[in-house]
Amino acid sequence: MKARDKTLVLVGFTMALVFLAISAQAAVAADLLPDLQMAAITDIKLDQTTFSDRKLLRFTAVIANEGAGPLELHGSRPDTNTSEMSVTQRIYDDSGGFRDVPTNATMYYAGDGHHHWHTKNLETAELDQMDSFAQVAKYAKQGFCFADGGKFRPSLPGAPTSPVYTTCGTDPNQLTTTMGLSVGQGDWYTWDVAFQWIDITGVPSGRYRLFLTADAAGWFQDADQTNNGTWADVLLGPKGVSVLDYGPSAIPDPGYYFPGRAVPPPDSTASGNQPQSAASGNPARPISATRHHRKHKAKKHRRHHRKHKARRHHHRKHRR
């Protein structure tokens, strides 16, 4: 065999080994996907002062990431004449690599009192009838500048000790931007921010279900698409709203819910530090804690009834 042929054989053999090594690494590496969930809805209240002729249902919403990896989105556009950015999702893996996946999501710039870029419809909200679940009104807010807003479940593996994603981009002329939500972090939209409402003007009084969902369109790769939503049953009146029940929701670590505001874990019966519904004044409890509260209340009522019955029996015996 000629020297040139030997060299070609060696090069080919080396390239084959490299290819096999890369293929083996790719086969072993596993995606670290985010798991978007909604926390229990709080601060549910009526607002009739923002607009004198409108009735708004306001609430605080929290998107939490309880997955193995971050939700990281990259927006880009070719020039400033293009108003919206196309979006790719960067998915990391457990070997230290990543891949970029195109999505149908878009980002846009808006000046809604806090000028920056937004991901369109990252979260959706609607108010439905209780009997038919027909939609009667929907979210005014469409844009979300999401970032690491505070620790929600910092005990999760891979949760950073400090925020990683802190900005959405504030320059209307920029051509690229990055938004993200780290593992164990929450992104808060408090009841008093711009467009954080559902317009319920003309909606009759009665019982309704308020639904909140993260990534309702399924644009992003997520570890579990079945746990992206939560709900609260509410009773609308002419002058107020009260919360009747809560659906399943993202569970924070004990002591975490609002940044800088410690609260008991969801199954705690402690009072005084739980997030409150401003309209009802009742602690915002996930459904598991609500059932616990009902059982505790029923047990207390039975004890009271037995004591009262024994007392009446004693009085009758004494009169005889």
C-alpha atoms as a PDB file:
ATOM      1  CA  MET A   1       0.000   0.000   0.000  1.00  0.00           C
ATOM      2  CA  LYS A   2       1.355   3.379  -0.923  1.00  0.00           C
ATOM      3  CA  ALA A   3       2.134   5.971   1.757  1.00  0.00           C
ATOM      4  CA  ARG A   4      -0.597   8.253   0.393  1.00  0.00           C
ATOM      5  CA  ASP A   5      -3.196   5.487   0.646  1.00  0.00           C
ATOM      6  CA  LYS A   6      -2.108   4.658   4.192  1.00  0.00           C
ATOM      7  CA  THR A   7      -2.518   8.298   5.144  1.00  0.00           C
ATOM      8  CA  LEU A   8      -6.036   8.399   3.710  1.00  0.00           C
ATOM      9  CA  VAL A   9      -6.972   5.237   5.586  1.00  0.00           C
ATOM     10  CA  LEU A  10      -5.671   6.659   8.875  1.00  0.00           C
ATOM     11  CA  VAL A  11      -7.545   9.938   8.341  1.00  0.00           C
ATOM     12  CA  GLY A  12     -10.737   8.074   7.553  1.00  0.00           C
ATOM     13  CA  PHE A  13     -10.328   5.817  10.590  1.00  0.00           C
ATOM     14  CA  THR A  14      -9.710   8.822  12.856  1.00  0.00           C
ATOM     15  CA  MET A  15     -12.774  10.654  11.532  1.00  0.00           C
ATOM     16  CA  ALA A  16     -14.879   7.566  12.126  1.00  0.00           C
ATOM     17  CA  LEU A  17     -13.710   7.366  15.741  1.00  0.00           C
ATOM     18  CA  VAL A  18     -14.483  11.046  16.287  1.00  0.00           C
ATOM     19  CA  PHE A  19     -17.944  10.607  14.792  1.00  0.00           C
ATOM     20  CA  LEU A  20     -18.633   7.595  16.979  1.00  0.00           C
ATOM     21  CA  ALA A  21     -17.484   9.482  20.081  1.00  0.00           C
ATOM     22  CA  ILE A  22     -19.731  12.447  19.276  1.00  0.00           C
ATOM     23  CA  SER A  23     -22.676  10.133  18.535  1.00  0.00           C
ATOM     24  CA  ALA A  24     -22.157   8.268  21.812  1.00  0.00           C
ATOM     25  CA  GLN A  25     -22.036  11.537  23.757  1.00  0.00           C
ATOM     26  CA  ALA A  26     -25.200  12.799  22.041  1.00  0.00           C
ATOM     27  CA  ALA A  27     -26.975   9.532  22.785  1.00  0.00           C
ATOM     28  CA  VAL A  28     -26.119   9.731  26.475  1.00  0.00           C
ATOM     29  CA  ALA A  29     -26.887  13.444  26.988  1.00  0.00           C
ATOM     30  CA  ALA A  30     -30.393  14.179  28.282  1.00  0.00           C
ATOM     31  CA  ASP A  31     -32.303  17.437  27.904  1.00  0.00           C
ATOM     32  CA  LEU A  32     -32.750  19.579  31.004  1.00  0.00           C
ATOM     33  CA  LEU A  33     -36.235  20.882  30.298  1.00  0.00           C
ATOM     34  CA  PRO A  34     -38.101  23.570  32.216  1.00  0.00           C
ATOM     35  CA  ASP A  35     -41.399  22.786  33.915  1.00  0.00           C
ATOM     36  CA  LEU A  36     -43.602  25.886  33.884  1.00  0.00           C
ATOM     37  CA  GLN A  37     -46.318  26.040  36.527  1.00  0.00           C
ATOM     38  CA  MET A  38     -48.631  28.701  37.957  1.00  0.00           C
ATOM     39  CA  ALA A  39     -48.660  29.498  41.662  1.00  0.00           C
ATOM     40  CA  ALA A  40     -51.915  29.939  43.575  1.00  0.00           C
ATOM     41  CA  ILE A  41     -53.749  33.089  42.460  1.00  0.00           C
ATOM     42  CA  THR A  42     -53.747  35.846  45.075  1.00  0.00           C
ATOM     43  CA  ASP A  43     -54.936  39.442  45.534  1.00  0.00           C
ATOM     44  CA  ILE A  44     -58.185  38.816  43.634  1.00  0.00           C
ATOM     45  CA  LYS A  45     -60.144  42.069  43.799  1.00  0.00           C
ATOM     46  CA  LEU A  46     -62.473  44.400  41.912  1.00  0.00           C
ATOM     47  CA  ASP A  47     -61.144  47.679  40.518  1.00  0.00           C
ATOM     48  CA  GLN A  48     -63.605  50.400  39.604  1.00  0.00           C
ATOM     49  CA  THR A  49     -61.211  53.344  39.912  1.00  0.00           C
ATOM     50  CA  THR A  50     -58.728  52.833  37.038  1.00  0.00           C
ATOM     51  CA  PHE A  51     -61.554  53.560  34.611  1.00  0.00           C
ATOM     52  CA  SER A  52     -64.686  55.240  35.921  1.00  0.00           C
ATOM     53  CA  ASP A  53     -66.916  53.393  33.445  1.00  0.00           C
ATOM     54  CA  ARG A  54     -65.286  49.948  33.628  1.00  0.00           C
ATOM     55  CA  LYS A  55     -65.187  47.109  36.170  1.00  0.00           C
ATOM     56  CA  LEU A  56     -61.874  45.218  36.294  1.00  0.00           C
ATOM     57  CA  LEU A  57     -60.998  41.944  37.988  1.00  0.00           C
ATOM     58  CA  ARG A  58     -57.411  42.233  39.212  1.00  0.00           C
ATOM     59  CA  PHE A  59     -55.142  39.505  40.598  1.00  0.00           C
ATOM     60  CA  THR A  60     -51.514  38.582  41.221  1.00  0.00           C
ATOM     61  CA  ALA A  61     -50.031  35.843  39.027  1.00  0.00           C
ATOM     62  CA  VAL A  62     -46.747  33.970  39.473  1.00  0.00           C
ATOM     63  CA  ILE A  63     -45.083  31.759  36.863  1.00  0.00           C
ATOM     64  CA  ALA A  64     -42.642  29.302  38.442  1.00  0.00           C
ATOM     65  CA  ASN A  65     -40.083  26.967  36.897  1.00  0.00           C
ATOM     66  CA  GLU A  66     -39.920  23.647  38.757  1.00  0.00           C
ATOM     67  CA  GLY A  67     -38.068  21.748  36.035  1.00  0.00           C
ATOM     68  CA  ALA A  68     -34.519  20.488  35.585  1.00  0.00           C
ATOM     69  CA  GLY A  69     -33.381  23.339  33.335  1.00  0.00           C
ATOM     70  CA  PRO A  70     -34.167  26.989  32.574  1.00  0.00           C
ATOM     71  CA  LEU A  71     -36.670  28.378  30.118  1.00  0.00           C
ATOM     72  CA  GLU A  72     -34.334  30.459  27.943  1.00  0.00           C
ATOM     73  CA  LEU A  73     -35.667  32.308  24.912  1.00  0.00           C
ATOM     74  CA  HIS A  74     -33.637  34.179  22.290  1.00  0.00           C
ATOM     75  CA  GLY A  75     -35.354  36.801  20.163  1.00  0.00           C
ATOM     76  CA  SER A  76     -33.966  38.199  16.916  1.00  0.00           C
ATOM     77  CA  ARG A  77     -35.029  40.255  13.901  1.00  0.00           C
ATOM     78  CA  PRO A  78     -33.207  41.241  10.705  1.00  0.00           C
ATOM     79  CA  ASP A  79     -33.661  45.017  11.017  1.00  0.00           C
ATOM     80  CA  THR A  80     -35.532  47.761  12.888  1.00  0.00           C
ATOM     81  CA  ASN A  81     -38.239  47.860  10.198  1.00  0.00           C
ATOM     82  CA  THR A  82     -39.357  44.426  11.407  1.00  0.00           C
ATOM     83  CA  SER A  83     -41.545  45.078  14.465  1.00  0.00           C
ATOM     84  CA  GLU A  84     -41.477  41.596  15.997  1.00  0.00           C
ATOM     85  CA  MET A  85     -38.647  39.228  16.851  1.00  0.00           C
ATOM     86  CA  SER A  86     -38.781  35.530  16.072  1.00  0.00           C
ATOM     87  CA  VAL A  87     -38.002  33.303  19.041  1.00  0.00           C
ATOM     88  CA  THR A  88     -35.853  30.222  19.584  1.00  0.00           C
ATOM     89  CA  GLN A  89     -35.711  28.172  22.764  1.00  0.00           C
ATOM     90  CA  ARG A  90     -32.279  27.161  24.035  1.00  0.00           C
ATOM     91  CA  ILE A  91     -32.387  23.726  25.672  1.00  0.00           C
ATOM     92  CA  TYR A  92     -29.422  22.663  27.778  1.00  0.00           C
ATOM     93  CA  ASP A  93     -28.437  19.066  28.444  1.00  0.00           C
ATOM     94  CA  ASP A  94     -26.711  17.261  31.275  1.00  0.00           C
ATOM     95  CA  SER A  95     -23.423  16.978  29.379  1.00  0.00           C
ATOM     96  CA  GLY A  96     -22.966  20.758  29.302  1.00  0.00           C
ATOM     97  CA  GLY A  97     -24.192  21.237  25.751  1.00  0.00           C
ATOM     98  CA  PHE A  98     -27.291  22.874  24.322  1.00  0.00           C
ATOM     99  CA  ARG A  99     -29.428  23.078  21.214  1.00  0.00           C
ATOM    100  CA  ASP A 100     -31.588  25.882  19.825  1.00  0.00           C
ATOM    101  CA  VAL A 101     -35.133  25.011  18.794  1.00  0.00           C
ATOM    102  CA  PRO A 102     -37.303  27.330  16.625  1.00  0.00           C
ATOM    103  CA  THR A 103     -40.702  28.216  18.107  1.00  0.00           C
ATOM    104  CA  ASN A 104     -43.877  29.962  16.962  1.00  0.00           C
ATOM    105  CA  ALA A 105     -43.563  32.552  19.739  1.00  0.00           C
ATOM    106  CA  THR A 106     -42.838  36.226  19.073  1.00  0.00           C
ATOM    107  CA  MET A 107     -41.395  39.150  21.013  1.00  0.00           C
ATOM    108  CA  TYR A 108     -42.412  42.772  20.629  1.00  0.00           C
ATOM    109  CA  TYR A 109     -41.536  46.143  22.155  1.00  0.00           C
ATOM    110  CA  ALA A 110     -44.198  48.080  24.057  1.00  0.00           C
ATOM    111  CA  GLY A 111     -44.354  51.143  26.226  1.00  0.00           C
ATOM    112  CA  ASP A 112     -46.954  50.116  28.790  1.00  0.00           C
ATOM    113  CA  GLY A 113     -45.461  52.144  31.611  1.00  0.00           C
ATOM    114  CA  HIS A 114     -42.293  50.010  31.725  1.00  0.00           C
ATOM    115  CA  HIS A 115     -40.703  50.196  28.292  1.00  0.00           C
ATOM    116  CA  HIS A 116     -39.062  46.937  27.224  1.00  0.00           C
ATOM    117  CA  TRP A 117     -39.381  43.851  25.061  1.00  0.00           C
ATOM    118  CA  HIS A 118     -42.088  41.282  25.788  1.00  0.00           C
ATOM    119  CA  THR A 119     -42.810  37.668  24.936  1.00  0.00           C
ATOM    120  CA  LYS A 120     -46.339  37.594  23.582  1.00  0.00           C
ATOM    121  CA  ASN A 121     -48.898  35.497  25.484  1.00  0.00           C
ATOM    122  CA  LEU A 122     -46.414  33.624  27.669  1.00  0.00           C
ATOM    123  CA  GLU A 123     -49.295  33.502  30.134  1.00  0.00           C
ATOM    124  CA  THR A 124     -53.041  33.560  29.497  1.00  0.00           C
ATOM    125  CA  ALA A 125     -55.997  34.164  31.793  1.00  0.00           C
ATOM    126  CA  GLU A 126     -59.736  33.912  31.333  1.00  0.00           C
ATOM    127  CA  LEU A 127     -62.937  34.015  33.326  1.00  0.00           C
ATOM    128  CA  ASP A 128     -65.356  31.158  32.602  1.00  0.00           C
ATOM    129  CA  GLN A 129     -68.898  30.293  33.612  1.00  0.00           C
ATOM    130  CA  MET A 130     -69.019  27.617  36.293  1.00  0.00           C
ATOM    131  CA  ASP A 131     -71.714  25.458  34.665  1.00  0.00           C
ATOM    132  CA  SER A 132     -70.576  25.374  31.031  1.00  0.00           C
ATOM    133  CA  PHE A 133     -67.013  26.723  31.359  1.00  0.00           C
ATOM    134  CA  ALA A 134     -67.785  29.054  28.478  1.00  0.00           C
ATOM    135  CA  GLN A 135     -65.419  32.022  28.404  1.00  0.00           C
ATOM    136  CA  VAL A 136     -67.009  35.317  29.428  1.00  0.00           C
ATOM    137  CA  ALA A 137     -63.912  37.554  29.553  1.00  0.00           C
ATOM    138  CA  LYS A 138     -60.133  37.313  29.045  1.00  0.00           C
ATOM    139  CA  TYR A 139     -56.793  38.831  30.076  1.00  0.00           C
ATOM    140  CA  ALA A 140     -55.960  42.377  29.047  1.00  0.00           C
ATOM    141  CA  LYS A 141     -52.236  41.681  29.410  1.00  0.00           C
ATOM    142  CA  GLN A 142     -50.540  40.116  26.383  1.00  0.00           C
ATOM    143  CA  GLY A 143     -46.843  40.942  26.818  1.00  0.00           C
ATOM    144  CA  PHE A 144     -44.520  39.427  29.409  1.00  0.00           C
ATOM    145  CA  CYS A 145     -41.008  40.587  30.224  1.00  0.00           C
ATOM    146  CA  PHE A 146     -40.231  37.473  32.241  1.00  0.00           C
ATOM    147  CA  ALA A 147     -37.101  37.075  34.354  1.00  0.00           C
ATOM    148  CA  ASP A 148     -35.816  35.654  37.646  1.00  0.00           C
ATOM    149  CA  GLY A 149     -38.075  37.650  39.954  1.00  0.00           C
ATOM    150  CA  GLY A 150     -37.306  35.821  43.193  1.00  0.00           C
ATOM    151  CA  LYS A 151     -36.692  32.446  44.786  1.00  0.00           C
ATOM    152  CA  PHE A 152     -39.744  30.192  44.657  1.00  0.00           C
ATOM    153  CA  ARG A 153     -38.360  26.690  45.116  1.00  0.00           C
ATOM    154  CA  PRO A 154     -34.602  27.094  45.656  1.00  0.00           C
ATOM    155  CA  SER A 155     -34.220  23.531  46.972  1.00  0.00           C
ATOM    156  CA  LEU A 156     -34.514  22.085  43.450  1.00  0.00           C
ATOM    157  CA  PRO A 157     -31.347  20.635  41.886  1.00  0.00           C
ATOM    158  CA  GLY A 158     -29.807  23.183  39.535  1.00  0.00           C
ATOM    159  CA  ALA A 159     -31.468  26.195  41.179  1.00  0.00           C
ATOM    160  CA  PRO A 160     -29.047  29.165  41.158  1.00  0.00           C
ATOM    161  CA  THR A 161     -28.210  31.020  44.357  1.00  0.00           C
ATOM    162  CA  SER A 162     -28.740  34.384  42.638  1.00  0.00           C
ATOM    163  CA  PRO A 163     -30.763  35.576  39.621  1.00  0.00           C
ATOM    164  CA  VAL A 164     -29.391  34.671  36.188  1.00  0.00           C
ATOM    165  CA  TYR A 165     -31.949  36.331  33.904  1.00  0.00           C
ATOM    166  CA  THR A 166     -32.525  39.914  34.979  1.00  0.00           C
ATOM    167  CA  THR A 167     -33.527  41.955  31.920  1.00  0.00           C
ATOM    168  CA  CYS A 168     -35.601  41.749  28.757  1.00  0.00           C
ATOM    169  CA  GLY A 169     -33.961  44.526  26.790  1.00  0.00           C
ATOM    170  CA  THR A 170     -35.048  48.155  26.960  1.00  0.00           C
ATOM    171  CA  ASP A 171     -33.761  49.517  23.631  1.00  0.00           C
ATOM    172  CA  PRO A 172     -36.496  49.655  20.979  1.00  0.00           C
ATOM    173  CA  ASN A 173     -33.803  49.539  18.275  1.00  0.00           C
ATOM    174  CA  GLN A 174     -32.012  46.383  19.421  1.00  0.00           C
ATOM    175  CA  LEU A 175     -32.071  43.413  17.067  1.00  0.00           C
ATOM    176  CA  THR A 176     -31.620  40.631  19.628  1.00  0.00           C
ATOM    177  CA  THR A 177     -32.580  39.975  23.230  1.00  0.00           C
ATOM    178  CA  THR A 178     -32.685  37.115  25.723  1.00  0.00           C
ATOM    179  CA  MET A 179     -35.280  36.302  28.377  1.00  0.00           C
ATOM    180  CA  GLY A 180     -35.275  33.432  30.826  1.00  0.00           C
ATOM    181  CA  LEU A 181     -36.559  31.827  34.001  1.00  0.00           C
ATOM    182  CA  SER A 182     -34.105  29.756  36.035  1.00  0.00           C
ATOM    183  CA  VAL A 183     -34.840  26.551  37.906  1.00  0.00           C
ATOM    184  CA  GLY A 184     -36.587  27.304  41.210  1.00  0.00           C
ATOM    185  CA  GLN A 185     -37.269  30.932  40.321  1.00  0.00           C
ATOM    186  CA  GLY A 186     -40.627  32.731  40.042  1.00  0.00           C
ATOM    187  CA  ASP A 187     -41.763  35.591  37.839  1.00  0.00           C
ATOM    188  CA  TRP A 188     -44.286  37.867  39.603  1.00  0.00           C
ATOM    189  CA  TYR A 189     -47.036  39.975  38.032  1.00  0.00           C
ATOM    190  CA  THR A 190     -48.664  41.800  40.915  1.00  0.00           C
ATOM    191  CA  TRP A 191     -52.282  42.914  40.760  1.00  0.00           C
ATOM    192  CA  ASP A 192     -51.390  46.603  40.336  1.00  0.00           C
ATOM    193  CA  VAL A 193     -49.158  46.449  37.225  1.00  0.00           C
ATOM    194  CA  ALA A 194     -50.310  47.630  33.804  1.00  0.00           C
ATOM    195  CA  PHE A 195     -52.956  45.432  32.126  1.00  0.00           C
ATOM    196  CA  GLN A 196     -52.950  42.940  35.011  1.00  0.00           C
ATOM    197  CA  TRP A 197     -56.713  42.583  34.837  1.00  0.00           C
ATOM    198  CA  ILE A 198     -59.731  41.059  33.128  1.00  0.00           C
ATOM    199  CA  ASP A 199     -62.418  43.527  32.082  1.00  0.00           C
ATOM    200  CA  ILE A 200     -65.694  42.202  33.542  1.00  0.00           C
ATOM    201  CA  THR A 201     -67.856  45.217  32.733  1.00  0.00           C
ATOM    202  CA  GLY A 202     -71.360  43.886  32.079  1.00  0.00           C
ATOM    203  CA  VAL A 203     -70.619  40.405  33.440  1.00  0.00           C
ATOM    204  CA  PRO A 204     -73.557  39.405  35.685  1.00  0.00           C
ATOM    205  CA  SER A 205     -73.052  38.612  39.357  1.00  0.00           C
ATOM    206  CA  GLY A 206     -72.547  34.929  40.095  1.00  0.00           C
ATOM    207  CA  ARG A 207     -70.025  32.098  40.396  1.00  0.00           C
ATOM    208  CA  TYR A 208     -67.135  31.923  37.939  1.00  0.00           C
ATOM    209  CA  ARG A 209     -63.807  30.157  37.509  1.00  0.00           C
ATOM    210  CA  LEU A 210     -60.650  32.212  36.920  1.00  0.00           C
ATOM    211  CA  PHE A 211     -58.141  30.199  34.860  1.00  0.00           C
ATOM    212  CA  LEU A 212     -54.415  31.019  34.540  1.00  0.00           C
ATOM    213  CA  THR A 213     -52.124  29.070  32.203  1.00  0.00           C
ATOM    214  CA  ALA A 214     -48.434  29.304  31.291  1.00  0.00           C
ATOM    215  CA  ASP A 215     -47.624  28.616  27.627  1.00  0.00           C
ATOM    216  CA  ALA A 216     -51.212  27.708  26.755  1.00  0.00           C
ATOM    217  CA  ALA A 217     -50.270  27.467  23.052  1.00  0.00           C
ATOM    218  CA  GLY A 218     -47.595  24.838  23.759  1.00  0.00           C
ATOM    219  CA  TRP A 219     -44.867  26.801  21.969  1.00  0.00           C
ATOM    220  CA  PHE A 220     -42.055  25.689  24.265  1.00  0.00           C
ATOM    221  CA  GLN A 221     -40.599  22.313  25.135  1.00  0.00           C
ATOM    222  CA  ASP A 222     -41.647  21.625  28.710  1.00  0.00           C
ATOM    223  CA  ALA A 223     -41.148  18.625  30.983  1.00  0.00           C
ATOM    224  CA  ASP A 224     -44.894  18.414  31.709  1.00  0.00           C
ATOM    225  CA  GLN A 225     -47.541  20.303  29.740  1.00  0.00           C
ATOM    226  CA  THR A 226     -50.371  18.994  31.941  1.00  0.00           C
ATOM    227  CA  ASN A 227     -49.494  21.066  35.034  1.00  0.00           C
ATOM    228  CA  ASN A 228     -49.158  24.510  33.442  1.00  0.00           C
ATOM    229  CA  GLY A 229     -52.387  25.953  34.801  1.00  0.00           C
ATOM    230  CA  THR A 230     -54.270  26.787  37.973  1.00  0.00           C
ATOM    231  CA  TRP A 231     -57.661  28.226  38.841  1.00  0.00           C
ATOM    232  CA  ALA A 232     -59.726  29.926  41.510  1.00  0.00           C
ATOM    233  CA  ASP A 233     -63.511  29.810  41.873  1.00  0.00           C
ATOM    234  CA  VAL A 234     -64.907  33.248  42.638  1.00  0.00           C
ATOM    235  CA  LEU A 235     -68.246  34.778  43.503  1.00  0.00           C
ATOM    236  CA  LEU A 236     -68.771  38.109  41.763  1.00  0.00           C
ATOM    237  CA  GLY A 237     -71.065  40.619  43.402  1.00  0.00           C
ATOM    238  CA  PRO A 238     -72.046  44.161  42.446  1.00  0.00           C
ATOM    239  CA  LYS A 239     -69.449  45.659  44.790  1.00  0.00           C
ATOM    240  CA  GLY A 240     -66.940  42.920  45.530  1.00  0.00           C
ATOM    241  CA  VAL A 241     -65.563  39.467  44.885  1.00  0.00           C
ATOM    242  CA  SER A 242     -64.947  36.531  47.217  1.00  0.00           C
ATOM    243  CA  VAL A 243     -62.861  33.418  46.629  1.00  0.00           C
ATOM    244  CA  LEU A 244     -64.694  30.096  46.982  1.00  0.00           C
ATOM    245  CA  ASP A 245     -61.970  27.570  46.198  1.00  0.00           C
ATOM    246  CA  TYR A 246     -58.520  27.079  44.688  1.00  0.00           C
ATOM    247  CA  GLY A 247     -57.213  24.556  42.187  1.00  0.00           C
ATOM    248  CA  PRO A 248     -53.878  22.703  42.189  1.00  0.00           C
ATOM    249  CA  SER A 249     -50.883  25.013  41.815  1.00  0.00           C
ATOM    250  CA  ALA A 250     -47.105  25.199  41.969  1.00  0.00           C
ATOM    251  CA  ILE A 251     -45.861  24.543  45.490  1.00  0.00           C
ATOM    252  CA  PRO A 252     -43.089  26.813  46.799  1.00  0.00           C
ATOM    253  CA  ASP A 253     -40.474  25.826  49.338  1.00  0.00           C
ATOM    254  CA  PRO A 254     -41.492  26.613  52.948  1.00  0.00           C
ATOM    255  CA  GLY A 255     -40.880  30.283  53.579  1.00  0.00           C
ATOM    256  CA  TYR A 256     -40.963  31.328  49.911  1.00  0.00           C
ATOM    257  CA  TYR A 257     -43.735  32.859  47.868  1.00  0.00           C
ATOM    258  CA  PHE A 258     -43.259  36.591  47.450  1.00  0.00           C
ATOM    259  CA  PRO A 259     -39.712  37.979  47.289  1.00  0.00           C
ATOM    260  CA  GLY A 260     -38.766  39.143  50.761  1.00  0.00           C
ATOM    261  CA  ARG A 261     -42.071  38.016  52.259  1.00  0.00           C
ATOM    262  CA  ALA A 262     -41.985  34.724  54.124  1.00  0.00           C
ATOM    263  CA  VAL A 263     -45.117  32.580  54.203  1.00  0.00           C
ATOM    264  CA  PRO A 264     -45.879  29.156  55.722  1.00  0.00           C
ATOM    265  CA  PRO A 265     -45.886  26.100  53.452  1.00  0.00           C
ATOM    266  CA  PRO A 266     -49.198  25.493  51.608  1.00  0.00           C
ATOM    267  CA  ASP A 267     -50.386  22.795  54.044  1.00  0.00           C
ATOM    268  CA  SER A 268     -49.705  24.910  57.137  1.00  0.00           C
ATOM    269  CA  THR A 269     -52.543  25.993  59.407  1.00  0.00           C
ATOM    270  CA  ALA A 270     -50.556  28.965  60.697  1.00  0.00           C
ATOM    271  CA  SER A 271     -52.082  32.370  60.098  1.00  0.00           C
ATOM    272  CA  GLY A 272     -50.903  35.910  59.765  1.00  0.00           C
ATOM    273  CA  ASN A 273     -48.240  35.499  57.074  1.00  0.00           C
ATOM    274  CA  GLN A 274     -50.107  33.782  54.264  1.00  0.00           C
ATOM    275  CA  PRO A 275     -50.787  35.693  51.019  1.00  0.00           C
ATOM    276  CA  GLN A 276     -54.216  37.282  51.306  1.00  0.00           C
ATOM    277  CA  SER A 277     -57.031  37.797  48.860  1.00  0.00           C
ATOM    278  CA  ALA A 278     -57.729  41.470  49.319  1.00  0.00           C
ATOM    279  CA  ALA A 279     -61.369  41.060  48.412  1.00  0.00           C
ATOM    280  CA  SER A 280     -62.172  38.184  50.731  1.00  0.00           C
ATOM    281  CA  GLY A 281     -59.564  38.613  53.457  1.00  0.00           C
ATOM    282  CA  ASN A 282     -59.006  34.852  53.495  1.00  0.00           C
ATOM    283  CA  PRO A 283     -55.615  33.164  53.161  1.00  0.00           C
ATOM    284  CA  ALA A 284     -54.896  32.010  49.624  1.00  0.00           C
ATOM    285  CA  ARG A 285     -54.725  28.226  50.049  1.00  0.00           C
ATOM    286  CA  PRO A 286     -54.163  25.543  47.423  1.00  0.00           C
ATOM    287  CA  ILE A 287     -56.950  22.973  47.270  1.00  0.00           C
ATOM    288  CA  SER A 288     -55.167  20.480  49.562  1.00  0.00           C
ATOM    289  CA  ALA A 289     -54.970  23.062  52.331  1.00  0.00           C
ATOM    290  CA  THR A 290     -58.575  24.104  51.707  1.00  0.00           C
ATOM    291  CA  ARG A 291     -59.734  20.535  52.323  1.00  0.00           C
ATOM    292  CA  HIS A 292     -57.641  20.430  55.503  1.00  0.00           C
ATOM    293  CA  HIS A 293     -59.305  23.655  56.638  1.00  0.00           C
ATOM    294  CA  ARG A 294     -62.775  22.218  56.001  1.00  0.00           C
ATOM    295  CA  LYS A 295     -61.970  19.014  57.923  1.00  0.00           C
ATOM    296  CA  HIS A 296     -60.614  21.049  60.844  1.00  0.00           C
ATOM    297  CA  LYS A 297     -63.715  23.248  60.830  1.00  0.00           C
ATOM    298  CA  ALA A 298     -66.076  20.237  60.732  1.00  0.00           C
ATOM    299  CA  LYS A 299     -64.191  18.512  63.583  1.00  0.00           C
ATOM    300  CA  LYS A 300     -64.383  21.678  65.671  1.00  0.00           C
ATOM    301  CA  HIS A 301     -68.120  21.944  64.986  1.00  0.00           C
ATOM    302  CA  ARG A 302     -68.682  18.313  66.078  1.00  0.00           C
ATOM    303  CA  ARG A 303     -66.776  18.872  69.348  1.00  0.00           C
ATOM    304  CA  HIS A 304     -68.835  21.982  70.060  1.00  0.00           C
ATOM    305  CA  HIS A 305     -72.069  20.113  69.281  1.00  0.00           C
ATOM    306  CA  ARG A 306     -71.175  17.246  71.666  1.00  0.00           C
ATOM    307  CA  LYS A 307     -70.288  19.660  74.481  1.00  0.00           C
ATOM    308  CA  HIS A 308     -73.525  21.583  73.974  1.00  0.00           C
ATOM    309  CA  LYS A 309     -75.578  18.359  73.972  1.00  0.00           C
ATOM    310  CA  ALA A 310     -73.894  17.120  77.190  1.00  0.00           C
ATOM    311  CA  ARG A 311     -74.498  20.475  78.875  1.00  0.00           C
ATOM    312  CA  ARG A 312     -78.224  20.374  77.987  1.00  0.00           C
ATOM    313  CA  HIS A 313     -78.487  16.805  79.343  1.00  0.00           C
ATOM    314  CA  HIS A 314     -76.832  17.879  82.619  1.00  0.00           C
ATOM    315  CA  HIS A 315     -79.271  20.798  83.047  1.00  0.00           C
ATOM    316  CA  ARG A 316     -82.302  18.570  82.464  1.00  0.00           C
ATOM    317  CA  LYS A 317     -81.036  16.001  85.004  1.00  0.00           C
ATOM    318  CA  HIS A 318     -80.404  18.779  87.519  1.00  0.00           C
ATOM    319  CA  ARG A 319     -83.950  20.175  87.094  1.00  0.00           C
ATOM    320  CA  ARG A 320     -85.411  16.732  87.823  1.00  0.00           C
END
